[in-house]
Amino acid sequence: MEGADGAGEPVRQFGCASFNQDSTSLVLGSRSGYKLFSLTSVEKLDCIHESANTPDVYIVERLFSSSLVVVVCAAMPQQMNIYHFKKGTEICNYSYPNKILAIKLNRQRLVVFLEESIYVHNIKDMKLLKTLLNTPSNPSGLCALSTNHSSSYLAYPGSVLSGDIIVHDTNNL
């Protein structure tokens, strides 16, 4: 969605959008924070939470229908903040050596993607379980994490020159 400022330049209203893993909600990140919508009906979006305390959001993810929301802002692109949005409290935050390009969640894992490394956390206590260093360059943060409870598979580019992908079992590491 774009508008125009006084100089006729396009203005981005939203920096990111994502559905949660069971498609029951939609989160939108923008210059002014993020909004969380319930998707009980396709005819009407119900805003169930809005945060203006986190400006310039370019990554926002919700874990299923829980109160856990993960946010990354342009002002601190190397820091991930995890919030309990119903209580309005920060659970924790983590900093990484480079800009965060993508974050994926499922019931077992939270995975943070940087251009040349991947960090796998346990979702229950946010403990860092594994760091995959020197992964092939992935400047767009292209990745996928399965939402299946019994198999937590992570896929990402295996080469910058070919169409290879790497599939990693994050449950068994």
N, C-alpha and C. Protein backbone atom coordinates (compact mmCIF):
# COMPACT_ATOMS: atom_id res chain seq x y z
N MET A 1 0.85 -1.17 0.00
CA MET A 1 0.00 0.00 0.00
C MET A 1 0.89 1.23 0.00
N GLU A 2 0.66 2.10 -0.92
CA GLU A 2 1.48 3.28 -1.01
C GLU A 2 0.62 4.51 -1.12
N GLY A 3 1.13 5.59 -0.62
CA GLY A 3 0.48 6.88 -0.75
C GLY A 3 1.52 7.83 -1.30
N ALA A 4 1.28 9.12 -1.18
CA ALA A 4 2.26 10.09 -1.65
C ALA A 4 2.46 11.14 -0.59
N ASP A 5 3.72 11.55 -0.42
CA ASP A 5 3.97 12.64 0.51
C ASP A 5 3.84 13.96 -0.25
N GLY A 6 4.14 15.08 0.38
CA GLY A 6 3.97 16.39 -0.24
C GLY A 6 4.79 16.58 -1.50
N ALA A 7 5.90 15.85 -1.64
CA ALA A 7 6.76 16.00 -2.82
C ALA A 7 6.37 15.04 -3.93
N GLY A 8 5.30 14.30 -3.75
CA GLY A 8 4.87 13.37 -4.77
C GLY A 8 5.61 12.05 -4.75
N GLU A 9 6.48 11.84 -3.74
CA GLU A 9 7.21 10.59 -3.62
C GLU A 9 6.33 9.53 -2.97
N PRO A 10 6.48 8.26 -3.36
CA PRO A 10 5.69 7.20 -2.73
C PRO A 10 6.09 7.05 -1.26
N VAL A 11 5.10 6.77 -0.42
CA VAL A 11 5.32 6.56 1.00
C VAL A 11 4.83 5.16 1.34
N ARG A 12 5.71 4.33 1.89
CA ARG A 12 5.32 2.98 2.28
C ARG A 12 4.57 3.03 3.60
N GLN A 13 3.36 2.52 3.60
CA GLN A 13 2.57 2.47 4.82
C GLN A 13 2.91 1.21 5.63
N PHE A 14 3.14 0.10 4.94
CA PHE A 14 3.42 -1.15 5.62
C PHE A 14 4.78 -1.68 5.20
N GLY A 15 5.56 -2.14 6.17
CA GLY A 15 6.88 -2.68 5.89
C GLY A 15 6.87 -4.19 5.75
N CYS A 16 5.87 -4.84 6.35
CA CYS A 16 5.79 -6.29 6.29
C CYS A 16 4.39 -6.77 6.63
N ALA A 17 4.10 -7.98 6.23
CA ALA A 17 2.83 -8.61 6.55
C ALA A 17 3.05 -10.11 6.62
N SER A 18 2.40 -10.76 7.58
CA SER A 18 2.51 -12.22 7.66
C SER A 18 1.30 -12.81 8.37
N PHE A 19 0.97 -14.02 7.95
CA PHE A 19 -0.06 -14.80 8.64
C PHE A 19 0.64 -15.62 9.71
N ASN A 20 -0.09 -15.95 10.77
CA ASN A 20 0.47 -16.89 11.73
C ASN A 20 0.39 -18.30 11.13
N GLN A 21 0.93 -19.30 11.82
CA GLN A 21 1.09 -20.63 11.26
C GLN A 21 -0.23 -21.34 10.95
N ASP A 22 -1.32 -21.02 11.67
CA ASP A 22 -2.60 -21.66 11.38
C ASP A 22 -3.57 -20.72 10.68
N SER A 23 -3.06 -19.61 10.17
CA SER A 23 -3.83 -18.63 9.38
C SER A 23 -5.06 -18.08 10.09
N THR A 24 -4.97 -17.93 11.41
CA THR A 24 -6.08 -17.35 12.17
C THR A 24 -5.85 -15.87 12.46
N SER A 25 -4.64 -15.38 12.13
CA SER A 25 -4.38 -13.96 12.32
C SER A 25 -3.39 -13.43 11.30
N LEU A 26 -3.41 -12.13 11.15
CA LEU A 26 -2.53 -11.41 10.23
C LEU A 26 -1.85 -10.32 11.03
N VAL A 27 -0.53 -10.17 10.86
CA VAL A 27 0.19 -9.07 11.50
C VAL A 27 0.78 -8.18 10.42
N LEU A 28 0.69 -6.88 10.65
CA LEU A 28 1.24 -5.88 9.73
C LEU A 28 2.22 -5.00 10.47
N GLY A 29 3.40 -4.84 9.92
CA GLY A 29 4.39 -3.94 10.48
C GLY A 29 4.47 -2.68 9.63
N SER A 30 4.67 -1.54 10.29
CA SER A 30 4.72 -0.27 9.56
C SER A 30 5.67 0.70 10.23
N ARG A 31 5.74 1.90 9.69
CA ARG A 31 6.56 2.96 10.29
C ARG A 31 6.11 3.29 11.70
N SER A 32 4.82 3.14 11.96
CA SER A 32 4.28 3.55 13.27
C SER A 32 4.12 2.39 14.25
N GLY A 33 4.56 1.18 13.92
CA GLY A 33 4.45 0.06 14.83
C GLY A 33 3.92 -1.17 14.13
N TYR A 34 3.13 -1.96 14.85
CA TYR A 34 2.52 -3.14 14.22
C TYR A 34 1.09 -3.29 14.71
N LYS A 35 0.31 -4.01 13.89
CA LYS A 35 -1.08 -4.31 14.22
C LYS A 35 -1.32 -5.79 14.03
N LEU A 36 -2.13 -6.34 14.92
CA LEU A 36 -2.49 -7.75 14.88
C LEU A 36 -3.98 -7.86 14.65
N PHE A 37 -4.36 -8.60 13.60
CA PHE A 37 -5.76 -8.75 13.23
C PHE A 37 -6.20 -10.21 13.36
N SER A 38 -7.42 -10.42 13.83
CA SER A 38 -8.04 -11.74 13.86
C SER A 38 -8.70 -11.99 12.52
N LEU A 39 -8.58 -13.21 12.02
CA LEU A 39 -9.16 -13.56 10.72
C LEU A 39 -10.34 -14.52 10.90
N THR A 40 -11.27 -14.16 11.74
CA THR A 40 -12.45 -15.01 11.93
C THR A 40 -13.37 -14.96 10.73
N SER A 41 -13.26 -13.89 9.94
CA SER A 41 -14.08 -13.73 8.74
C SER A 41 -13.26 -13.01 7.69
N VAL A 42 -13.41 -13.40 6.44
CA VAL A 42 -12.69 -12.72 5.37
C VAL A 42 -13.33 -11.39 5.00
N GLU A 43 -14.56 -11.19 5.44
CA GLU A 43 -15.25 -9.93 5.14
C GLU A 43 -14.79 -8.79 6.05
N LYS A 44 -14.30 -9.15 7.25
CA LYS A 44 -13.94 -8.11 8.21
C LYS A 44 -12.70 -8.54 9.01
N LEU A 45 -11.74 -7.64 9.07
CA LEU A 45 -10.56 -7.86 9.90
C LEU A 45 -10.78 -7.17 11.23
N ASP A 46 -10.63 -7.90 12.33
CA ASP A 46 -10.77 -7.32 13.66
C ASP A 46 -9.40 -7.07 14.24
N CYS A 47 -9.07 -5.80 14.50
CA CYS A 47 -7.79 -5.47 15.12
C CYS A 47 -7.86 -5.87 16.59
N ILE A 48 -6.98 -6.82 16.98
CA ILE A 48 -6.99 -7.29 18.36
C ILE A 48 -5.83 -6.73 19.18
N HIS A 49 -4.86 -6.12 18.50
CA HIS A 49 -3.75 -5.48 19.21
C HIS A 49 -3.06 -4.49 18.28
N GLU A 50 -2.61 -3.40 18.86
CA GLU A 50 -1.86 -2.39 18.12
C GLU A 50 -0.75 -1.87 19.01
N SER A 51 0.46 -1.80 18.48
CA SER A 51 1.59 -1.28 19.25
C SER A 51 2.26 -0.15 18.48
N ALA A 52 2.29 1.00 19.10
CA ALA A 52 2.98 2.15 18.51
C ALA A 52 4.33 2.37 19.19
N ASN A 53 4.69 1.48 20.13
CA ASN A 53 5.95 1.60 20.86
C ASN A 53 7.14 1.09 20.07
N THR A 54 6.90 0.47 18.95
CA THR A 54 7.96 -0.13 18.15
C THR A 54 7.89 0.41 16.72
N PRO A 55 8.52 1.55 16.44
CA PRO A 55 8.44 2.15 15.10
C PRO A 55 9.29 1.42 14.06
N ASP A 56 8.96 1.64 12.80
CA ASP A 56 9.71 1.11 11.66
C ASP A 56 9.89 -0.40 11.71
N VAL A 57 8.80 -1.11 11.92
CA VAL A 57 8.82 -2.57 11.99
C VAL A 57 8.96 -3.13 10.57
N TYR A 58 9.98 -3.98 10.36
CA TYR A 58 10.12 -4.61 9.06
C TYR A 58 10.02 -6.14 9.14
N ILE A 59 9.99 -6.69 10.34
CA ILE A 59 9.67 -8.10 10.53
C ILE A 59 8.76 -8.19 11.75
N VAL A 60 7.64 -8.89 11.61
CA VAL A 60 6.77 -9.19 12.76
C VAL A 60 6.14 -10.55 12.50
N GLU A 61 6.22 -11.43 13.49
CA GLU A 61 5.69 -12.79 13.40
C GLU A 61 4.95 -13.12 14.69
N ARG A 62 3.84 -13.84 14.55
CA ARG A 62 3.09 -14.31 15.72
C ARG A 62 3.15 -15.82 15.76
N LEU A 63 3.31 -16.39 16.95
CA LEU A 63 3.34 -17.83 17.11
C LEU A 63 1.93 -18.36 17.25
N PHE A 64 1.44 -19.04 16.22
CA PHE A 64 0.09 -19.60 16.18
C PHE A 64 -0.91 -18.59 16.74
N SER A 65 -1.74 -18.97 17.71
CA SER A 65 -2.71 -18.04 18.30
C SER A 65 -2.29 -17.63 19.70
N SER A 66 -1.00 -17.77 19.99
CA SER A 66 -0.49 -17.41 21.31
C SER A 66 -0.34 -15.89 21.44
N SER A 67 0.14 -15.46 22.57
CA SER A 67 0.39 -14.04 22.82
C SER A 67 1.81 -13.64 22.46
N LEU A 68 2.59 -14.57 21.91
CA LEU A 68 3.99 -14.31 21.58
C LEU A 68 4.10 -13.66 20.20
N VAL A 69 4.77 -12.50 20.17
CA VAL A 69 5.01 -11.79 18.92
C VAL A 69 6.50 -11.44 18.86
N VAL A 70 7.11 -11.68 17.70
CA VAL A 70 8.52 -11.38 17.48
C VAL A 70 8.60 -10.19 16.53
N VAL A 71 9.42 -9.19 16.91
CA VAL A 71 9.48 -7.94 16.15
C VAL A 71 10.94 -7.54 15.90
N VAL A 72 11.20 -7.06 14.68
CA VAL A 72 12.50 -6.45 14.35
C VAL A 72 12.22 -5.10 13.73
N CYS A 73 12.92 -4.06 14.22
CA CYS A 73 12.73 -2.68 13.75
C CYS A 73 13.94 -2.20 12.96
N ALA A 74 13.70 -1.30 12.04
CA ALA A 74 14.77 -0.76 11.19
C ALA A 74 15.81 0.00 12.00
N ALA A 75 15.43 0.59 13.11
CA ALA A 75 16.38 1.34 13.93
C ALA A 75 17.43 0.42 14.56
N MET A 76 17.06 -0.83 14.82
CA MET A 76 17.98 -1.82 15.39
C MET A 76 17.82 -3.14 14.64
N PRO A 77 18.31 -3.19 13.38
CA PRO A 77 18.07 -4.36 12.53
C PRO A 77 18.80 -5.63 12.96
N GLN A 78 19.68 -5.52 13.94
CA GLN A 78 20.40 -6.68 14.44
C GLN A 78 19.77 -7.23 15.72
N GLN A 79 18.67 -6.63 16.17
CA GLN A 79 18.04 -7.05 17.42
C GLN A 79 16.63 -7.57 17.19
N MET A 80 16.35 -8.72 17.80
CA MET A 80 15.02 -9.32 17.77
C MET A 80 14.40 -9.13 19.15
N ASN A 81 13.17 -8.61 19.20
CA ASN A 81 12.46 -8.43 20.45
C ASN A 81 11.27 -9.37 20.47
N ILE A 82 11.06 -10.05 21.59
CA ILE A 82 9.94 -10.96 21.74
C ILE A 82 9.03 -10.41 22.82
N TYR A 83 7.75 -10.24 22.46
CA TYR A 83 6.76 -9.63 23.35
C TYR A 83 5.62 -10.57 23.67
N HIS A 84 5.06 -10.38 24.86
CA HIS A 84 3.77 -10.97 25.23
C HIS A 84 2.78 -9.83 25.01
N PHE A 85 2.12 -9.82 23.85
CA PHE A 85 1.34 -8.64 23.49
C PHE A 85 0.12 -8.44 24.38
N LYS A 86 -0.45 -9.50 24.93
CA LYS A 86 -1.63 -9.33 25.79
C LYS A 86 -1.26 -8.65 27.11
N LYS A 87 -0.09 -8.96 27.64
CA LYS A 87 0.37 -8.32 28.87
C LYS A 87 1.08 -7.00 28.60
N GLY A 88 1.47 -6.78 27.35
CA GLY A 88 2.21 -5.58 27.00
C GLY A 88 3.62 -5.56 27.54
N THR A 89 4.24 -6.74 27.65
CA THR A 89 5.59 -6.83 28.21
C THR A 89 6.55 -7.48 27.23
N GLU A 90 7.82 -7.10 27.37
CA GLU A 90 8.86 -7.74 26.58
C GLU A 90 9.30 -9.00 27.32
N ILE A 91 9.35 -10.11 26.63
CA ILE A 91 9.81 -11.37 27.21
C ILE A 91 11.34 -11.41 27.21
N CYS A 92 11.93 -11.10 26.06
CA CYS A 92 13.38 -11.08 25.94
C CYS A 92 13.77 -10.41 24.63
N ASN A 93 15.07 -10.20 24.45
CA ASN A 93 15.58 -9.72 23.17
C ASN A 93 16.95 -10.33 22.95
N TYR A 94 17.30 -10.49 21.69
CA TYR A 94 18.58 -11.04 21.31
C TYR A 94 19.19 -10.17 20.23
N SER A 95 20.52 -10.04 20.28
CA SER A 95 21.23 -9.30 19.26
C SER A 95 22.13 -10.25 18.48
N TYR A 96 22.30 -9.93 17.21
CA TYR A 96 23.07 -10.78 16.29
C TYR A 96 24.14 -9.92 15.62
N PRO A 97 25.15 -10.56 15.01
CA PRO A 97 26.26 -9.78 14.44
C PRO A 97 25.92 -8.98 13.18
N ASN A 98 24.83 -9.33 12.49
CA ASN A 98 24.44 -8.64 11.26
C ASN A 98 22.94 -8.45 11.23
N LYS A 99 22.47 -7.78 10.21
CA LYS A 99 21.05 -7.50 10.04
C LYS A 99 20.22 -8.79 9.96
N ILE A 100 19.11 -8.81 10.67
CA ILE A 100 18.19 -9.93 10.61
C ILE A 100 17.36 -9.79 9.33
N LEU A 101 17.33 -10.85 8.52
CA LEU A 101 16.61 -10.82 7.25
C LEU A 101 15.27 -11.53 7.31
N ALA A 102 15.15 -12.53 8.19
CA ALA A 102 13.89 -13.27 8.32
C ALA A 102 13.87 -13.98 9.66
N ILE A 103 12.66 -14.23 10.14
CA ILE A 103 12.44 -15.01 11.35
C ILE A 103 11.29 -15.96 11.07
N LYS A 104 11.46 -17.21 11.46
CA LYS A 104 10.41 -18.22 11.30
C LYS A 104 10.19 -18.90 12.65
N LEU A 105 8.92 -19.26 12.91
CA LEU A 105 8.55 -19.88 14.17
C LEU A 105 7.71 -21.12 13.96
N ASN A 106 7.83 -22.06 14.85
CA ASN A 106 6.86 -23.14 15.00
C ASN A 106 6.80 -23.49 16.48
N ARG A 107 6.11 -24.52 16.85
CA ARG A 107 5.92 -24.82 18.28
C ARG A 107 7.19 -25.29 18.98
N GLN A 108 8.21 -25.68 18.23
CA GLN A 108 9.47 -26.12 18.82
C GLN A 108 10.61 -25.11 18.69
N ARG A 109 10.64 -24.40 17.57
CA ARG A 109 11.82 -23.59 17.25
C ARG A 109 11.49 -22.17 16.81
N LEU A 110 12.42 -21.28 17.08
CA LEU A 110 12.44 -19.94 16.52
C LEU A 110 13.76 -19.84 15.77
N VAL A 111 13.70 -19.53 14.48
CA VAL A 111 14.90 -19.51 13.65
C VAL A 111 15.11 -18.10 13.10
N VAL A 112 16.34 -17.61 13.28
CA VAL A 112 16.72 -16.27 12.84
C VAL A 112 17.69 -16.41 11.68
N PHE A 113 17.39 -15.72 10.57
CA PHE A 113 18.20 -15.80 9.37
C PHE A 113 18.95 -14.49 9.15
N LEU A 114 20.28 -14.60 9.04
CA LEU A 114 21.13 -13.49 8.62
C LEU A 114 21.63 -13.84 7.22
N GLU A 115 22.37 -12.96 6.60
CA GLU A 115 22.78 -13.23 5.22
C GLU A 115 23.63 -14.49 5.09
N GLU A 116 24.53 -14.74 6.05
CA GLU A 116 25.41 -15.89 5.92
C GLU A 116 25.45 -16.77 7.18
N SER A 117 24.40 -16.69 8.00
CA SER A 117 24.31 -17.54 9.17
C SER A 117 22.86 -17.69 9.63
N ILE A 118 22.62 -18.75 10.39
CA ILE A 118 21.28 -19.07 10.87
C ILE A 118 21.39 -19.45 12.35
N TYR A 119 20.46 -18.94 13.15
CA TYR A 119 20.44 -19.22 14.59
C TYR A 119 19.14 -19.95 14.93
N VAL A 120 19.28 -21.10 15.58
CA VAL A 120 18.12 -21.92 15.94
C VAL A 120 17.95 -21.87 17.46
N HIS A 121 16.78 -21.38 17.89
CA HIS A 121 16.46 -21.27 19.31
C HIS A 121 15.35 -22.26 19.68
N ASN A 122 15.37 -22.71 20.94
CA ASN A 122 14.27 -23.49 21.49
C ASN A 122 13.15 -22.50 21.83
N ILE A 123 11.95 -22.71 21.34
CA ILE A 123 10.86 -21.75 21.53
C ILE A 123 10.43 -21.67 23.00
N LYS A 124 10.59 -22.75 23.75
CA LYS A 124 10.11 -22.78 25.14
C LYS A 124 10.87 -21.84 26.07
N ASP A 125 12.22 -21.81 25.93
CA ASP A 125 13.04 -20.98 26.82
C ASP A 125 13.96 -20.02 26.07
N MET A 126 13.87 -20.01 24.75
CA MET A 126 14.66 -19.16 23.86
C MET A 126 16.17 -19.44 23.92
N LYS A 127 16.54 -20.58 24.47
CA LYS A 127 17.94 -20.97 24.50
C LYS A 127 18.44 -21.19 23.08
N LEU A 128 19.63 -20.68 22.79
CA LEU A 128 20.25 -20.90 21.48
C LEU A 128 20.72 -22.35 21.42
N LEU A 129 20.19 -23.12 20.47
CA LEU A 129 20.52 -24.54 20.34
C LEU A 129 21.61 -24.80 19.33
N LYS A 130 21.60 -24.04 18.25
CA LYS A 130 22.56 -24.29 17.18
C LYS A 130 22.76 -23.03 16.35
N THR A 131 23.98 -22.83 15.92
CA THR A 131 24.31 -21.74 15.01
C THR A 131 24.91 -22.36 13.76
N LEU A 132 24.31 -22.06 12.62
CA LEU A 132 24.84 -22.52 11.34
C LEU A 132 25.59 -21.34 10.74
N LEU A 133 26.92 -21.41 10.76
CA LEU A 133 27.76 -20.33 10.27
C LEU A 133 28.20 -20.61 8.84
N ASN A 134 28.59 -19.56 8.15
CA ASN A 134 29.11 -19.67 6.79
C ASN A 134 28.16 -20.39 5.84
N THR A 135 26.87 -20.11 5.99
CA THR A 135 25.90 -20.64 5.05
C THR A 135 26.05 -19.86 3.73
N PRO A 136 25.61 -20.42 2.62
CA PRO A 136 25.69 -19.67 1.36
C PRO A 136 25.00 -18.32 1.48
N SER A 137 25.54 -17.33 0.84
CA SER A 137 24.97 -15.98 0.90
C SER A 137 23.49 -16.01 0.52
N ASN A 138 22.68 -15.38 1.37
CA ASN A 138 21.22 -15.38 1.18
C ASN A 138 20.72 -13.96 1.51
N PRO A 139 21.04 -12.98 0.67
CA PRO A 139 20.72 -11.58 0.99
C PRO A 139 19.22 -11.27 1.07
N SER A 140 18.38 -12.13 0.51
CA SER A 140 16.94 -11.89 0.59
C SER A 140 16.30 -12.61 1.77
N GLY A 141 17.06 -13.42 2.50
CA GLY A 141 16.50 -14.15 3.64
C GLY A 141 15.52 -15.23 3.23
N LEU A 142 15.70 -15.80 2.05
CA LEU A 142 14.82 -16.85 1.55
C LEU A 142 14.92 -18.08 2.45
N CYS A 143 13.78 -18.54 2.99
CA CYS A 143 13.79 -19.65 3.92
C CYS A 143 12.37 -20.16 4.16
N ALA A 144 12.28 -21.35 4.75
CA ALA A 144 10.99 -21.91 5.14
C ALA A 144 11.21 -22.79 6.36
N LEU A 145 10.22 -22.82 7.26
CA LEU A 145 10.24 -23.68 8.43
C LEU A 145 8.89 -24.37 8.50
N SER A 146 8.91 -25.70 8.57
CA SER A 146 7.64 -26.44 8.63
C SER A 146 6.94 -26.18 9.95
N THR A 147 5.61 -26.27 9.93
CA THR A 147 4.83 -26.03 11.14
C THR A 147 4.35 -27.32 11.79
N ASN A 148 4.68 -28.46 11.19
CA ASN A 148 4.28 -29.76 11.72
C ASN A 148 4.94 -30.00 13.07
N HIS A 149 4.16 -30.46 14.06
CA HIS A 149 4.67 -30.67 15.42
C HIS A 149 5.74 -31.76 15.49
N SER A 150 5.56 -32.82 14.72
CA SER A 150 6.48 -33.95 14.82
C SER A 150 7.75 -33.78 13.99
N SER A 151 7.71 -32.95 12.96
CA SER A 151 8.90 -32.73 12.14
C SER A 151 9.09 -31.24 11.93
N SER A 152 10.21 -30.76 12.37
CA SER A 152 10.51 -29.34 12.27
C SER A 152 11.65 -29.15 11.27
N TYR A 153 11.28 -29.05 10.00
CA TYR A 153 12.28 -28.95 8.95
C TYR A 153 12.49 -27.50 8.52
N LEU A 154 13.75 -27.18 8.31
CA LEU A 154 14.17 -25.87 7.88
C LEU A 154 14.77 -26.00 6.48
N ALA A 155 14.36 -25.13 5.55
CA ALA A 155 14.91 -25.16 4.20
C ALA A 155 15.47 -23.78 3.86
N TYR A 156 16.64 -23.78 3.21
CA TYR A 156 17.27 -22.53 2.79
C TYR A 156 18.20 -22.82 1.62
N PRO A 157 18.60 -21.78 0.87
CA PRO A 157 19.46 -22.01 -0.31
C PRO A 157 20.77 -22.67 0.06
N GLY A 158 21.16 -23.65 -0.74
CA GLY A 158 22.41 -24.37 -0.50
C GLY A 158 23.56 -23.88 -1.34
N SER A 159 23.27 -22.99 -2.28
CA SER A 159 24.31 -22.49 -3.18
C SER A 159 23.86 -21.15 -3.77
N VAL A 160 24.83 -20.30 -4.04
CA VAL A 160 24.50 -19.04 -4.71
C VAL A 160 24.55 -19.21 -6.23
N LEU A 161 25.09 -20.34 -6.69
CA LEU A 161 25.27 -20.55 -8.12
C LEU A 161 24.26 -21.52 -8.73
N SER A 162 23.70 -22.41 -7.92
CA SER A 162 22.76 -23.41 -8.46
C SER A 162 21.45 -23.35 -7.68
N GLY A 163 20.53 -24.19 -8.04
CA GLY A 163 19.24 -24.23 -7.38
C GLY A 163 19.19 -25.19 -6.19
N ASP A 164 20.32 -25.52 -5.62
CA ASP A 164 20.36 -26.45 -4.49
C ASP A 164 19.72 -25.83 -3.25
N ILE A 165 19.08 -26.69 -2.47
CA ILE A 165 18.56 -26.26 -1.17
C ILE A 165 19.08 -27.20 -0.10
N ILE A 166 19.13 -26.72 1.11
CA ILE A 166 19.51 -27.53 2.26
C ILE A 166 18.26 -27.67 3.12
N VAL A 167 17.99 -28.90 3.52
CA VAL A 167 16.89 -29.17 4.45
C VAL A 167 17.52 -29.67 5.74
N HIS A 168 17.22 -28.97 6.83
CA HIS A 168 17.85 -29.24 8.12
C HIS A 168 16.77 -29.64 9.12
N ASP A 169 16.99 -30.71 9.86
CA ASP A 169 16.06 -31.16 10.90
C ASP A 169 16.36 -30.37 12.18
N THR A 170 15.52 -29.41 12.52
CA THR A 170 15.79 -28.59 13.71
C THR A 170 15.38 -29.28 15.01
N ASN A 171 14.58 -30.35 14.94
CA ASN A 171 14.25 -31.10 16.16
C ASN A 171 15.46 -31.91 16.63
N ASN A 172 16.10 -32.58 15.70
CA ASN A 172 17.26 -33.42 16.05
C ASN A 172 18.58 -32.71 15.86
N LEU A 173 18.56 -31.52 15.32
CA LEU A 173 19.75 -30.69 15.09
C LEU A 173 20.81 -31.47 14.32
